[in-house]
Structures are given as C-alpha cells and as structure tokens.
C-alpha cells in the first residue's frame, strides 16, 4: 500500500473513533458504487452522516478542507443519495447530512482534528 493510502486509512480510522466517541455508530467504511466512494457513513438517533475524511501531513498544499470544492460537494451529495437508496432501512426518520473531517499532522493518531458539520449543498 502506498504511503498516501496508508495515511488516508489511518485518518479514516481516527475519524471513525472520533464519531464513535461522540455516540455515533459506524454504518459503512469505504462504500463504493459507480459514482465513487464514501469514506464513512455514521449515524445517531437523529442523523445519518456521510463523512469525507481529508488527511494531510501539513498545510504546504493547503488546508484539508480546501480539497472539498463545489464539484466534490456535489459528488458527495450524489453518493449520499445513492447510499440512502441502497440502505433505506438505516435512514428511516433520520436527517441526512454531509460532514467533513480534516486531519493535519505527521501522525494521524495525534494530528489536529477539525470537524466541519453539514457541508453546504453546492
């Protein structure tokens, strides 16, 4: 596995633990369909949350959230709709939203974690 892939996987692990500590249940990791891939899907009693995780060793190439542009947000919403269509029972009565986790630091286990709640619709 490439170093970049290992960094991303470690960031997803950290984000997963973060949501579990907040009381969420992880419903899916790295869910794929023709439209792309969702890093995480988590849920609590109120919401089903599609989570985009961006992990960077530093900000030399920009803040992790800068990688979530208008096109990426639109794709995330398409993926969220595809996931909910395939998992209707998991969504029942819950609000769907998209969040982003940005991790910045040499080691994802100790990196600065930022949580952007409810990424706006493009």
PDB file of N, CA and C in Angstrom:
ATOM      1  N   UNK A   1       0.845  -1.174   0.000  1.00  0.00           N
ATOM      2  CA  UNK A   1       0.000   0.000   0.000  1.00  0.00           C
ATOM      3  C   UNK A   1       0.894   1.242   0.000  1.00  0.00           C
ATOM      4  N   UNK A   2       0.550   2.209  -0.820  1.00  0.00           N
ATOM      5  CA  UNK A   2       1.336   3.433  -0.920  1.00  0.00           C
ATOM      6  C   UNK A   2       1.240   4.239   0.366  1.00  0.00           C
ATOM      7  N   UNK A   3       2.266   5.037   0.630  1.00  0.00           N
ATOM      8  CA  UNK A   3       2.315   5.860   1.838  1.00  0.00           C
ATOM      9  C   UNK A   3       1.080   6.750   1.946  1.00  0.00           C
ATOM     10  N   UNK A   4       0.659   7.338   0.818  1.00  0.00           N
ATOM     11  CA  UNK A   4      -0.519   8.195   0.791  1.00  0.00           C
ATOM     12  C   UNK A   4      -1.768   7.414   1.195  1.00  0.00           C
ATOM     13  N   UNK A   5      -1.894   6.180   0.707  1.00  0.00           N
ATOM     14  CA  UNK A   5      -3.040   5.340   1.043  1.00  0.00           C
ATOM     15  C   UNK A   5      -3.039   4.976   2.527  1.00  0.00           C
ATOM     16  N   UNK A   6      -1.861   4.678   3.063  1.00  0.00           N
ATOM     17  CA  UNK A   6      -1.750   4.358   4.495  1.00  0.00           C
ATOM     18  C   UNK A   6      -2.135   5.569   5.344  1.00  0.00           C
ATOM     19  N   UNK A   7      -1.703   6.752   4.920  1.00  0.00           N
ATOM     20  CA  UNK A   7      -2.046   7.978   5.637  1.00  0.00           C
ATOM     21  C   UNK A   7      -3.565   8.172   5.629  1.00  0.00           C
ATOM     22  N   UNK A   8      -4.171   7.991   4.472  1.00  0.00           N
ATOM     23  CA  UNK A   8      -5.623   8.132   4.359  1.00  0.00           C
ATOM     24  C   UNK A   8      -6.369   7.123   5.209  1.00  0.00           C
ATOM     25  N   UNK A   9      -5.919   5.882   5.199  1.00  0.00           N
ATOM     26  CA  UNK A   9      -6.564   4.826   6.007  1.00  0.00           C
ATOM     27  C   UNK A   9      -6.449   5.152   7.498  1.00  0.00           C
ATOM     28  N   UNK A  10      -5.273   5.624   7.924  1.00  0.00           N
ATOM     29  CA  UNK A  10      -5.084   5.988   9.329  1.00  0.00           C
ATOM     30  C   UNK A  10      -5.985   7.162   9.705  1.00  0.00           C
ATOM     31  N   UNK A  11      -6.148   8.104   8.800  1.00  0.00           N
ATOM     32  CA  UNK A  11      -7.050   9.229   9.047  1.00  0.00           C
ATOM     33  C   UNK A  11      -8.498   8.771   9.173  1.00  0.00           C
ATOM     34  N   UNK A  12      -8.908   7.841   8.329  1.00  0.00           N
ATOM     35  CA  UNK A  12     -10.268   7.299   8.410  1.00  0.00           C
ATOM     36  C   UNK A  12     -10.468   6.537   9.719  1.00  0.00           C
ATOM     37  N   UNK A  13      -9.442   5.812  10.156  1.00  0.00           N
ATOM     38  CA  UNK A  13      -9.516   5.111  11.448  1.00  0.00           C
ATOM     39  C   UNK A  13      -9.745   6.116  12.583  1.00  0.00           C
ATOM     40  N   UNK A  14      -8.985   7.192  12.554  1.00  0.00           N
ATOM     41  CA  UNK A  14      -9.111   8.217  13.600  1.00  0.00           C
ATOM     42  C   UNK A  14     -10.484   8.869  13.560  1.00  0.00           C
ATOM     43  N   UNK A  15     -10.974   9.185  12.361  1.00  0.00           N
ATOM     44  CA  UNK A  15     -12.295   9.800  12.228  1.00  0.00           C
ATOM     45  C   UNK A  15     -13.384   8.855  12.721  1.00  0.00           C
ATOM     46  N   UNK A  16     -13.241   7.584  12.427  1.00  0.00           N
ATOM     47  CA  UNK A  16     -14.205   6.583  12.879  1.00  0.00           C
ATOM     48  C   UNK A  16     -14.262   6.540  14.404  1.00  0.00           C
ATOM     49  N   UNK A  17     -13.110   6.508  15.038  1.00  0.00           N
ATOM     50  CA  UNK A  17     -13.055   6.507  16.510  1.00  0.00           C
ATOM     51  C   UNK A  17     -13.666   7.787  17.085  1.00  0.00           C
ATOM     52  N   UNK A  18     -13.376   8.905  16.446  1.00  0.00           N
ATOM     53  CA  UNK A  18     -13.909  10.197  16.886  1.00  0.00           C
ATOM     54  C   UNK A  18     -15.441  10.158  16.911  1.00  0.00           C
ATOM     55  N   UNK A  19     -16.045   9.670  15.825  1.00  0.00           N
ATOM     56  CA  UNK A  19     -17.508   9.614  15.778  1.00  0.00           C
ATOM     57  C   UNK A  19     -18.061   8.621  16.797  1.00  0.00           C
ATOM     58  N   UNK A  20     -17.392   7.497  16.964  1.00  0.00           N
ATOM     59  CA  UNK A  20     -17.854   6.525  17.966  1.00  0.00           C
ATOM     60  C   UNK A  20     -17.809   7.130  19.376  1.00  0.00           C
ATOM     61  N   UNK A  21     -16.778   7.900  19.662  1.00  0.00           N
ATOM     62  CA  UNK A  21     -16.667   8.563  20.969  1.00  0.00           C
ATOM     63  C   UNK A  21     -17.780   9.591  21.169  1.00  0.00           C
ATOM     64  N   UNK A  22     -18.305  10.134  20.064  1.00  0.00           N
ATOM     65  CA  UNK A  22     -19.412  11.095  20.145  1.00  0.00           C
ATOM     66  C   UNK A  22     -20.775  10.384  20.181  1.00  0.00           C
ATOM     67  N   UNK A  23     -20.774   9.061  20.176  1.00  0.00           N
ATOM     68  CA  UNK A  23     -22.023   8.319  20.289  1.00  0.00           C
ATOM     69  C   UNK A  23     -22.621   7.852  18.977  1.00  0.00           C
ATOM     70  N   UNK A  24     -21.897   8.002  17.898  1.00  0.00           N
ATOM     71  CA  UNK A  24     -22.371   7.547  16.594  1.00  0.00           C
ATOM     72  C   UNK A  24     -22.019   6.074  16.386  1.00  0.00           C
ATOM     73  N   UNK A  25     -22.757   5.430  15.530  1.00  0.00           N
ATOM     74  CA  UNK A  25     -22.464   4.074  15.095  1.00  0.00           C
ATOM     75  C   UNK A  25     -21.941   4.144  13.670  1.00  0.00           C
ATOM     76  N   UNK A  26     -20.866   3.450  13.383  1.00  0.00           N
ATOM     77  CA  UNK A  26     -20.334   3.406  12.017  1.00  0.00           C
ATOM     78  C   UNK A  26     -21.153   2.390  11.233  1.00  0.00           C
ATOM     79  N   UNK A  27     -21.801   2.864  10.172  1.00  0.00           N
ATOM     80  CA  UNK A  27     -22.627   2.001   9.336  1.00  0.00           C
ATOM     81  C   UNK A  27     -21.862   1.458   8.133  1.00  0.00           C
ATOM     82  N   UNK A  28     -20.898   2.237   7.634  1.00  0.00           N
ATOM     83  CA  UNK A  28     -20.135   1.804   6.464  1.00  0.00           C
ATOM     84  C   UNK A  28     -18.796   2.530   6.421  1.00  0.00           C
ATOM     85  N   UNK A  29     -17.817   1.827   5.850  1.00  0.00           N
ATOM     86  CA  UNK A  29     -16.498   2.420   5.579  1.00  0.00           C
ATOM     87  C   UNK A  29     -16.128   2.093   4.155  1.00  0.00           C
ATOM     88  N   UNK A  30     -15.656   3.095   3.441  1.00  0.00           N
ATOM     89  CA  UNK A  30     -15.193   2.919   2.060  1.00  0.00           C
ATOM     90  C   UNK A  30     -16.251   2.260   1.175  1.00  0.00           C
ATOM     91  N   UNK A  31     -17.496   2.740   1.299  1.00  0.00           N
ATOM     92  CA  UNK A  31     -18.589   2.233   0.473  1.00  0.00           C
ATOM     93  C   UNK A  31     -18.424   2.743  -0.949  1.00  0.00           C
ATOM     94  N   UNK A  32     -18.528   1.834  -1.896  1.00  0.00           N
ATOM     95  CA  UNK A  32     -18.313   2.177  -3.304  1.00  0.00           C
ATOM     96  C   UNK A  32     -19.538   1.870  -4.151  1.00  0.00           C
ATOM     97  N   UNK A  33     -19.713   2.717  -5.151  1.00  0.00           N
ATOM     98  CA  UNK A  33     -20.692   2.469  -6.199  1.00  0.00           C
ATOM     99  C   UNK A  33     -20.116   3.079  -7.477  1.00  0.00           C
ATOM    100  N   UNK A  34     -20.881   3.058  -8.541  1.00  0.00           N
ATOM    101  CA  UNK A  34     -20.363   3.590  -9.816  1.00  0.00           C
ATOM    102  C   UNK A  34     -19.987   5.064  -9.738  1.00  0.00           C
ATOM    103  N   UNK A  35     -20.652   5.801  -8.880  1.00  0.00           N
ATOM    104  CA  UNK A  35     -20.418   7.247  -8.779  1.00  0.00           C
ATOM    105  C   UNK A  35     -19.173   7.600  -7.973  1.00  0.00           C
ATOM    106  N   UNK A  36     -18.636   6.637  -7.213  1.00  0.00           N
ATOM    107  CA  UNK A  36     -17.454   6.932  -6.410  1.00  0.00           C
ATOM    108  C   UNK A  36     -17.448   6.194  -5.091  1.00  0.00           C
ATOM    109  N   UNK A  37     -16.790   6.803  -4.104  1.00  0.00           N
ATOM    110  CA  UNK A  37     -16.608   6.164  -2.806  1.00  0.00           C
ATOM    111  C   UNK A  37     -16.909   7.137  -1.666  1.00  0.00           C
ATOM    112  N   UNK A  38     -17.548   6.610  -0.636  1.00  0.00           N
ATOM    113  CA  UNK A  38     -17.798   7.353   0.595  1.00  0.00           C
ATOM    114  C   UNK A  38     -16.812   6.828   1.638  1.00  0.00           C
ATOM    115  N   UNK A  39     -16.115   7.735   2.312  1.00  0.00           N
ATOM    116  CA  UNK A  39     -15.148   7.318   3.334  1.00  0.00           C
ATOM    117  C   UNK A  39     -15.842   6.654   4.523  1.00  0.00           C
ATOM    118  N   UNK A  40     -16.829   7.347   5.094  1.00  0.00           N
ATOM    119  CA  UNK A  40     -17.543   6.831   6.266  1.00  0.00           C
ATOM    120  C   UNK A  40     -19.019   7.194   6.179  1.00  0.00           C
ATOM    121  N   UNK A  41     -19.847   6.321   6.709  1.00  0.00           N
ATOM    122  CA  UNK A  41     -21.248   6.646   6.959  1.00  0.00           C
ATOM    123  C   UNK A  41     -21.477   6.304   8.424  1.00  0.00           C
ATOM    124  N   UNK A  42     -21.932   7.298   9.190  1.00  0.00           N
ATOM    125  CA  UNK A  42     -22.183   7.108  10.622  1.00  0.00           C
ATOM    126  C   UNK A  42     -23.601   7.570  10.925  1.00  0.00           C
ATOM    127  N   UNK A  43     -24.133   7.118  12.064  1.00  0.00           N
ATOM    128  CA  UNK A  43     -25.486   7.516  12.423  1.00  0.00           C
ATOM    129  C   UNK A  43     -25.639   7.610  13.936  1.00  0.00           C
ATOM    130  N   UNK A  44     -26.520   8.520  14.331  1.00  0.00           N
ATOM    131  CA  UNK A  44     -27.004   8.547  15.704  1.00  0.00           C
ATOM    132  C   UNK A  44     -28.528   8.505  15.607  1.00  0.00           C
ATOM    133  N   UNK A  45     -29.231   8.818  16.669  1.00  0.00           N
ATOM    134  CA  UNK A  45     -30.695   8.725  16.634  1.00  0.00           C
ATOM    135  C   UNK A  45     -31.322   9.728  15.683  1.00  0.00           C
ATOM    136  N   UNK A  46     -30.672  10.848  15.447  1.00  0.00           N
ATOM    137  CA  UNK A  46     -31.242  11.942  14.678  1.00  0.00           C
ATOM    138  C   UNK A  46     -30.775  11.970  13.223  1.00  0.00           C
ATOM    139  N   UNK A  47     -29.524  11.621  12.978  1.00  0.00           N
ATOM    140  CA  UNK A  47     -28.921  11.835  11.663  1.00  0.00           C
ATOM    141  C   UNK A  47     -28.175  10.626  11.128  1.00  0.00           C
ATOM    142  N   UNK A  48     -28.176  10.543   9.811  1.00  0.00           N
ATOM    143  CA  UNK A  48     -27.246   9.682   9.088  1.00  0.00           C
ATOM    144  C   UNK A  48     -26.271  10.648   8.436  1.00  0.00           C
ATOM    145  N   UNK A  49     -24.983  10.413   8.656  1.00  0.00           N
ATOM    146  CA  UNK A  49     -23.969  11.366   8.219  1.00  0.00           C
ATOM    147  C   UNK A  49     -22.986  10.687   7.275  1.00  0.00           C
ATOM    148  N   UNK A  50     -22.870  11.240   6.072  1.00  0.00           N
ATOM    149  CA  UNK A  50     -21.842  10.820   5.128  1.00  0.00           C
ATOM    150  C   UNK A  50     -20.632  11.687   5.443  1.00  0.00           C
ATOM    151  N   UNK A  51     -19.485  11.045   5.658  1.00  0.00           N
ATOM    152  CA  UNK A  51     -18.298  11.764   6.120  1.00  0.00           C
ATOM    153  C   UNK A  51     -17.178  11.664   5.090  1.00  0.00           C
ATOM    154  N   UNK A  52     -16.667  12.811   4.705  1.00  0.00           N
ATOM    155  CA  UNK A  52     -15.480  12.890   3.856  1.00  0.00           C
ATOM    156  C   UNK A  52     -14.302  13.172   4.775  1.00  0.00           C
ATOM    157  N   UNK A  53     -13.267  12.340   4.698  1.00  0.00           N
ATOM    158  CA  UNK A  53     -12.095  12.492   5.557  1.00  0.00           C
ATOM    159  C   UNK A  53     -10.913  12.928   4.691  1.00  0.00           C
ATOM    160  N   UNK A  54     -10.295  14.027   5.069  1.00  0.00           N
ATOM    161  CA  UNK A  54      -9.110  14.534   4.378  1.00  0.00           C
ATOM    162  C   UNK A  54      -7.965  14.602   5.376  1.00  0.00           C
ATOM    163  N   UNK A  55      -6.897  13.888   5.084  1.00  0.00           N
ATOM    164  CA  UNK A  55      -5.741  13.814   5.978  1.00  0.00           C
ATOM    165  C   UNK A  55      -4.523  14.396   5.274  1.00  0.00           C
ATOM    166  N   UNK A  56      -3.840  15.301   5.939  1.00  0.00           N
ATOM    167  CA  UNK A  56      -2.635  15.931   5.393  1.00  0.00           C
ATOM    168  C   UNK A  56      -1.546  15.925   6.454  1.00  0.00           C
ATOM    169  N   UNK A  57      -0.311  15.758   6.030  1.00  0.00           N
ATOM    170  CA  UNK A  57       0.815  15.832   6.966  1.00  0.00           C
ATOM    171  C   UNK A  57       1.065  17.271   7.402  1.00  0.00           C
ATOM    172  N   UNK A  58       0.729  18.211   6.557  1.00  0.00           N
ATOM    173  CA  UNK A  58       0.897  19.629   6.846  1.00  0.00           C
ATOM    174  C   UNK A  58       0.023  20.422   5.898  1.00  0.00           C
ATOM    175  N   UNK A  59       0.162  21.739   5.939  1.00  0.00           N
ATOM    176  CA  UNK A  59      -0.666  22.585   5.089  1.00  0.00           C
ATOM    177  C   UNK A  59       0.108  23.186   3.927  1.00  0.00           C
ATOM    178  N   UNK A  60       1.229  22.577   3.560  1.00  0.00           N
ATOM    179  CA  UNK A  60       2.032  23.084   2.447  1.00  0.00           C
ATOM    180  C   UNK A  60       1.231  23.100   1.143  1.00  0.00           C
ATOM    181  N   UNK A  61       0.305  22.173   1.013  1.00  0.00           N
ATOM    182  CA  UNK A  61      -0.531  22.107  -0.190  1.00  0.00           C
ATOM    183  C   UNK A  61      -1.957  22.557   0.111  1.00  0.00           C
ATOM    184  N   UNK A  62      -2.136  23.308   1.196  1.00  0.00           N
ATOM    185  CA  UNK A  62      -3.440  23.830   1.565  1.00  0.00           C
ATOM    186  C   UNK A  62      -4.068  23.067   2.713  1.00  0.00           C
ATOM    187  N   UNK A  63      -5.077  23.673   3.274  1.00  0.00           N
ATOM    188  CA  UNK A  63      -5.840  23.072   4.366  1.00  0.00           C
ATOM    189  C   UNK A  63      -6.632  21.888   3.812  1.00  0.00           C
ATOM    190  N   UNK A  64      -6.823  20.833   4.608  1.00  0.00           N
ATOM    191  CA  UNK A  64      -7.566  19.671   4.111  1.00  0.00           C
ATOM    192  C   UNK A  64      -8.944  20.013   3.542  1.00  0.00           C
ATOM    193  N   UNK A  65      -9.648  20.973   4.135  1.00  0.00           N
ATOM    194  CA  UNK A  65     -10.982  21.313   3.654  1.00  0.00           C
ATOM    195  C   UNK A  65     -10.959  21.988   2.286  1.00  0.00           C
ATOM    196  N   UNK A  66      -9.832  22.553   1.900  1.00  0.00           N
ATOM    197  CA  UNK A  66      -9.739  23.191   0.587  1.00  0.00           C
ATOM    198  C   UNK A  66      -9.908  22.185  -0.549  1.00  0.00           C
ATOM    199  N   UNK A  67      -9.683  20.903  -0.251  1.00  0.00           N
ATOM    200  CA  UNK A  67      -9.840  19.862  -1.268  1.00  0.00           C
ATOM    201  C   UNK A  67     -11.307  19.521  -1.524  1.00  0.00           C
ATOM    202  N   UNK A  68     -12.201  20.064  -0.710  1.00  0.00           N
ATOM    203  CA  UNK A  68     -13.631  19.783  -0.869  1.00  0.00           C
ATOM    204  C   UNK A  68     -14.266  20.986  -1.561  1.00  0.00           C
ATOM    205  N   UNK A  69     -14.106  21.011  -2.864  1.00  0.00           N
ATOM    206  CA  UNK A  69     -14.621  22.119  -3.650  1.00  0.00           C
ATOM    207  C   UNK A  69     -16.079  21.855  -4.058  1.00  0.00           C
ATOM    208  N   UNK A  70     -16.637  22.746  -4.851  1.00  0.00           N
ATOM    209  CA  UNK A  70     -18.035  22.636  -5.274  1.00  0.00           C
ATOM    210  C   UNK A  70     -18.307  21.317  -5.978  1.00  0.00           C
ATOM    211  N   UNK A  71     -17.402  20.913  -6.831  1.00  0.00           N
ATOM    212  CA  UNK A  71     -17.579  19.645  -7.559  1.00  0.00           C
ATOM    213  C   UNK A  71     -17.581  18.447  -6.613  1.00  0.00           C
ATOM    214  N   UNK A  72     -16.678  18.464  -5.636  1.00  0.00           N
ATOM    215  CA  UNK A  72     -16.593  17.378  -4.667  1.00  0.00           C
ATOM    216  C   UNK A  72     -17.853  17.340  -3.802  1.00  0.00           C
ATOM    217  N   UNK A  73     -18.350  18.505  -3.385  1.00  0.00           N
ATOM    218  CA  UNK A  73     -19.574  18.540  -2.583  1.00  0.00           C
ATOM    219  C   UNK A  73     -20.750  17.969  -3.365  1.00  0.00           C
ATOM    220  N   UNK A  74     -20.857  18.319  -4.632  1.00  0.00           N
ATOM    221  CA  UNK A  74     -21.941  17.788  -5.460  1.00  0.00           C
ATOM    222  C   UNK A  74     -21.824  16.270  -5.579  1.00  0.00           C
ATOM    223  N   UNK A  75     -20.616  15.779  -5.753  1.00  0.00           N
ATOM    224  CA  UNK A  75     -20.400  14.332  -5.839  1.00  0.00           C
ATOM    225  C   UNK A  75     -20.760  13.645  -4.520  1.00  0.00           C
ATOM    226  N   UNK A  76     -20.387  14.255  -3.398  1.00  0.00           N
ATOM    227  CA  UNK A  76     -20.723  13.682  -2.094  1.00  0.00           C
ATOM    228  C   UNK A  76     -22.233  13.571  -1.913  1.00  0.00           C
ATOM    229  N   UNK A  77     -22.975  14.578  -2.357  1.00  0.00           N
ATOM    230  CA  UNK A  77     -24.432  14.511  -2.256  1.00  0.00           C
ATOM    231  C   UNK A  77     -24.998  13.416  -3.158  1.00  0.00           C
ATOM    232  N   UNK A  78     -24.446  13.273  -4.350  1.00  0.00           N
ATOM    233  CA  UNK A  78     -24.897  12.170  -5.234  1.00  0.00           C
ATOM    234  C   UNK A  78     -24.612  10.823  -4.577  1.00  0.00           C
ATOM    235  N   UNK A  79     -23.443  10.690  -3.984  1.00  0.00           N
ATOM    236  CA  UNK A  79     -23.093   9.446  -3.296  1.00  0.00           C
ATOM    237  C   UNK A  79     -23.997   9.215  -2.082  1.00  0.00           C
ATOM    238  N   UNK A  80     -24.309  10.263  -1.340  1.00  0.00           N
ATOM    239  CA  UNK A  80     -25.188  10.141  -0.178  1.00  0.00           C
ATOM    240  C   UNK A  80     -26.563   9.642  -0.598  1.00  0.00           C
ATOM    241  N   UNK A  81     -27.077  10.184  -1.682  1.00  0.00           N
ATOM    242  CA  UNK A  81     -28.379   9.747  -2.191  1.00  0.00           C
ATOM    243  C   UNK A  81     -28.301   8.290  -2.642  1.00  0.00           C
ATOM    244  N   UNK A  82     -27.217   7.902  -3.292  1.00  0.00           N
ATOM    245  CA  UNK A  82     -27.052   6.503  -3.721  1.00  0.00           C
ATOM    246  C   UNK A  82     -26.986   5.574  -2.507  1.00  0.00           C
ATOM    247  N   UNK A  83     -26.250   5.979  -1.484  1.00  0.00           N
ATOM    248  CA  UNK A  83     -26.136   5.135  -0.295  1.00  0.00           C
ATOM    249  C   UNK A  83     -27.487   4.980   0.389  1.00  0.00           C
ATOM    250  N   UNK A  84     -28.213   6.088   0.551  1.00  0.00           N
ATOM    251  CA  UNK A  84     -29.512   6.005   1.211  1.00  0.00           C
ATOM    252  C   UNK A  84     -30.495   5.175   0.391  1.00  0.00           C
ATOM    253  N   UNK A  85     -30.392   5.245  -0.927  1.00  0.00           N
ATOM    254  CA  UNK A  85     -31.248   4.411  -1.772  1.00  0.00           C
ATOM    255  C   UNK A  85     -30.979   2.932  -1.581  1.00  0.00           C
ATOM    256  N   UNK A  86     -29.735   2.590  -1.335  1.00  0.00           N
ATOM    257  CA  UNK A  86     -29.351   1.189  -1.141  1.00  0.00           C
ATOM    258  C   UNK A  86     -29.550   0.722   0.300  1.00  0.00           C
ATOM    259  N   UNK A  87     -29.761   1.657   1.220  1.00  0.00           N
ATOM    260  CA  UNK A  87     -29.871   1.324   2.651  1.00  0.00           C
ATOM    261  C   UNK A  87     -31.036   2.072   3.292  1.00  0.00           C
ATOM    262  N   UNK A  88     -32.185   2.005   2.671  1.00  0.00           N
ATOM    263  CA  UNK A  88     -33.355   2.758   3.145  1.00  0.00           C
ATOM    264  C   UNK A  88     -33.685   2.493   4.613  1.00  0.00           C
ATOM    265  N   UNK A  89     -33.532   1.258   5.042  1.00  0.00           N
ATOM    266  CA  UNK A  89     -33.862   0.905   6.428  1.00  0.00           C
ATOM    267  C   UNK A  89     -32.984   1.638   7.449  1.00  0.00           C
ATOM    268  N   UNK A  90     -31.763   1.976   7.076  1.00  0.00           N
ATOM    269  CA  UNK A  90     -30.845   2.656   8.004  1.00  0.00           C
ATOM    270  C   UNK A  90     -31.186   4.133   8.162  1.00  0.00           C
ATOM    271  N   UNK A  91     -31.914   4.681   7.199  1.00  0.00           N
ATOM    272  CA  UNK A  91     -32.176   6.110   7.181  1.00  0.00           C
ATOM    273  C   UNK A  91     -33.486   6.482   7.870  1.00  0.00           C
ATOM    274  N   UNK A  92     -34.424   5.600   7.903  1.00  0.00           N
ATOM    275  CA  UNK A  92     -35.785   5.859   8.354  1.00  0.00           C
ATOM    276  C   UNK A  92     -35.918   6.919   9.440  1.00  0.00           C
ATOM    277  N   UNK A  93     -36.548   8.035   9.073  1.00  0.00           N
ATOM    278  CA  UNK A  93     -36.834   9.094  10.029  1.00  0.00           C
ATOM    279  C   UNK A  93     -35.645   9.940  10.448  1.00  0.00           C
ATOM    280  N   UNK A  94     -34.494   9.704   9.870  1.00  0.00           N
ATOM    281  CA  UNK A  94     -33.297  10.468  10.234  1.00  0.00           C
ATOM    282  C   UNK A  94     -32.993  11.510   9.163  1.00  0.00           C
ATOM    283  N   UNK A  95     -32.343  12.552   9.591  1.00  0.00           N
ATOM    284  CA  UNK A  95     -31.888  13.612   8.705  1.00  0.00           C
ATOM    285  C   UNK A  95     -30.579  13.168   8.041  1.00  0.00           C
ATOM    286  N   UNK A  96     -30.428  13.439   6.763  1.00  0.00           N
ATOM    287  CA  UNK A  96     -29.193  13.132   6.050  1.00  0.00           C
ATOM    288  C   UNK A  96     -28.350  14.395   5.985  1.00  0.00           C
ATOM    289  N   UNK A  97     -27.073  14.255   6.314  1.00  0.00           N
ATOM    290  CA  UNK A  97     -26.165  15.395   6.182  1.00  0.00           C
ATOM    291  C   UNK A  97     -24.797  14.895   5.756  1.00  0.00           C
ATOM    292  N   UNK A  98     -23.974  15.846   5.337  1.00  0.00           N
ATOM    293  CA  UNK A  98     -22.600  15.538   4.960  1.00  0.00           C
ATOM    294  C   UNK A  98     -21.683  16.361   5.845  1.00  0.00           C
ATOM    295  N   UNK A  99     -20.740  15.678   6.479  1.00  0.00           N
ATOM    296  CA  UNK A  99     -19.726  16.318   7.310  1.00  0.00           C
ATOM    297  C   UNK A  99     -18.355  16.064   6.705  1.00  0.00           C
ATOM    298  N   UNK A 100     -17.395  16.850   7.116  1.00  0.00           N
ATOM    299  CA  UNK A 100     -16.012  16.641   6.701  1.00  0.00           C
ATOM    300  C   UNK A 100     -15.129  16.628   7.941  1.00  0.00           C
ATOM    301  N   UNK A 101     -14.153  15.752   7.924  1.00  0.00           N
ATOM    302  CA  UNK A 101     -13.128  15.703   8.964  1.00  0.00           C
ATOM    303  C   UNK A 101     -11.803  16.051   8.293  1.00  0.00           C
ATOM    304  N   UNK A 102     -11.124  17.020   8.847  1.00  0.00           N
ATOM    305  CA  UNK A 102      -9.801  17.394   8.371  1.00  0.00           C
ATOM    306  C   UNK A 102      -8.774  17.060   9.440  1.00  0.00           C
ATOM    307  N   UNK A 103      -7.766  16.301   9.065  1.00  0.00           N
ATOM    308  CA  UNK A 103      -6.685  15.942   9.984  1.00  0.00           C
ATOM    309  C   UNK A 103      -5.389  16.523   9.434  1.00  0.00           C
ATOM    310  N   UNK A 104      -4.672  17.238  10.282  1.00  0.00           N
ATOM    311  CA  UNK A 104      -3.407  17.838   9.870  1.00  0.00           C
ATOM    312  C   UNK A 104      -2.338  17.503  10.890  1.00  0.00           C
ATOM    313  N   UNK A 105      -1.276  16.816  10.437  1.00  0.00           N
ATOM    314  CA  UNK A 105      -0.168  16.470  11.310  1.00  0.00           C
ATOM    315  C   UNK A 105       0.570  15.255  10.789  1.00  0.00           C
ATOM    316  N   UNK A 106       1.779  15.078  11.257  1.00  0.00           N
ATOM    317  CA  UNK A 106       2.635  13.988  10.781  1.00  0.00           C
ATOM    318  C   UNK A 106       2.052  12.614  11.081  1.00  0.00           C
ATOM    319  N   UNK A 107       1.391  12.485  12.218  1.00  0.00           N
ATOM    320  CA  UNK A 107       0.816  11.208  12.628  1.00  0.00           C
ATOM    321  C   UNK A 107      -0.690  11.387  12.809  1.00  0.00           C
ATOM    322  N   UNK A 108      -1.517  10.714  11.995  1.00  0.00           N
ATOM    323  CA  UNK A 108      -2.965  10.883  12.113  1.00  0.00           C
ATOM    324  C   UNK A 108      -3.510  10.594  13.512  1.00  0.00           C
ATOM    325  N   UNK A 109      -2.838   9.738  14.268  1.00  0.00           N
ATOM    326  CA  UNK A 109      -3.303   9.408  15.615  1.00  0.00           C
ATOM    327  C   UNK A 109      -3.248  10.614  16.556  1.00  0.00           C
ATOM    328  N   UNK A 110      -2.349  11.551  16.279  1.00  0.00           N
ATOM    329  CA  UNK A 110      -2.201  12.723  17.140  1.00  0.00           C
ATOM    330  C   UNK A 110      -2.407  14.035  16.377  1.00  0.00           C
ATOM    331  N   UNK A 111      -2.773  13.952  15.116  1.00  0.00           N
ATOM    332  CA  UNK A 111      -2.952  15.138  14.277  1.00  0.00           C
ATOM    333  C   UNK A 111      -4.093  16.012  14.789  1.00  0.00           C
ATOM    334  N   UNK A 112      -4.059  17.276  14.424  1.00  0.00           N
ATOM    335  CA  UNK A 112      -5.165  18.192  14.740  1.00  0.00           C
ATOM    336  C   UNK A 112      -6.385  17.738  13.948  1.00  0.00           C
ATOM    337  N   UNK A 113      -7.499  17.510  14.647  1.00  0.00           N
ATOM    338  CA  UNK A 113      -8.731  17.073  14.014  1.00  0.00           C
ATOM    339  C   UNK A 113      -9.723  18.226  14.016  1.00  0.00           C
ATOM    340  N   UNK A 114     -10.249  18.527  12.835  1.00  0.00           N
ATOM    341  CA  UNK A 114     -11.280  19.552  12.702  1.00  0.00           C
ATOM    342  C   UNK A 114     -12.516  18.898  12.086  1.00  0.00           C
ATOM    343  N   UNK A 115     -13.681  19.256  12.610  1.00  0.00           N
ATOM    344  CA  UNK A 115     -14.940  18.667  12.167  1.00  0.00           C
ATOM    345  C   UNK A 115     -15.814  19.768  11.590  1.00  0.00           C
ATOM    346  N   UNK A 116     -16.113  19.667  10.320  1.00  0.00           N
ATOM    347  CA  UNK A 116     -16.999  20.603   9.641  1.00  0.00           C
ATOM    348  C   UNK A 116     -18.352  19.927   9.510  1.00  0.00           C
ATOM    349  N   UNK A 117     -19.343  20.450  10.214  1.00  0.00           N
ATOM    350  CA  UNK A 117     -20.669  19.847  10.251  1.00  0.00           C
ATOM    351  C   UNK A 117     -21.547  20.420   9.147  1.00  0.00           C
ATOM    352  N   UNK A 118     -22.236  19.532   8.446  1.00  0.00           N
ATOM    353  CA  UNK A 118     -23.243  19.913   7.462  1.00  0.00           C
ATOM    354  C   UNK A 118     -22.657  20.753   6.337  1.00  0.00           C
ATOM    355  N   UNK A 119     -21.795  20.118   5.559  1.00  0.00           N
ATOM    356  CA  UNK A 119     -21.198  20.771   4.395  1.00  0.00           C
ATOM    357  C   UNK A 119     -22.334  21.240   3.491  1.00  0.00           C
ATOM    358  N   UNK A 120     -22.311  22.506   3.114  1.00  0.00           N
ATOM    359  CA  UNK A 120     -23.424  23.072   2.370  1.00  0.00           C
ATOM    360  C   UNK A 120     -23.571  22.471   0.980  1.00  0.00           C
ATOM    361  N   UNK A 121     -24.807  22.490   0.520  1.00  0.00           N
ATOM    362  CA  UNK A 121     -25.111  21.993  -0.819  1.00  0.00           C
ATOM    363  C   UNK A 121     -24.549  22.978  -1.820  1.00  0.00           C
ATOM    364  N   UNK A 122     -23.918  22.476  -2.891  1.00  0.00           N
ATOM    365  CA  UNK A 122     -23.360  23.401  -3.895  1.00  0.00           C
ATOM    366  C   UNK A 122     -24.460  24.153  -4.629  1.00  0.00           C
TER     367      UNK A 122
END
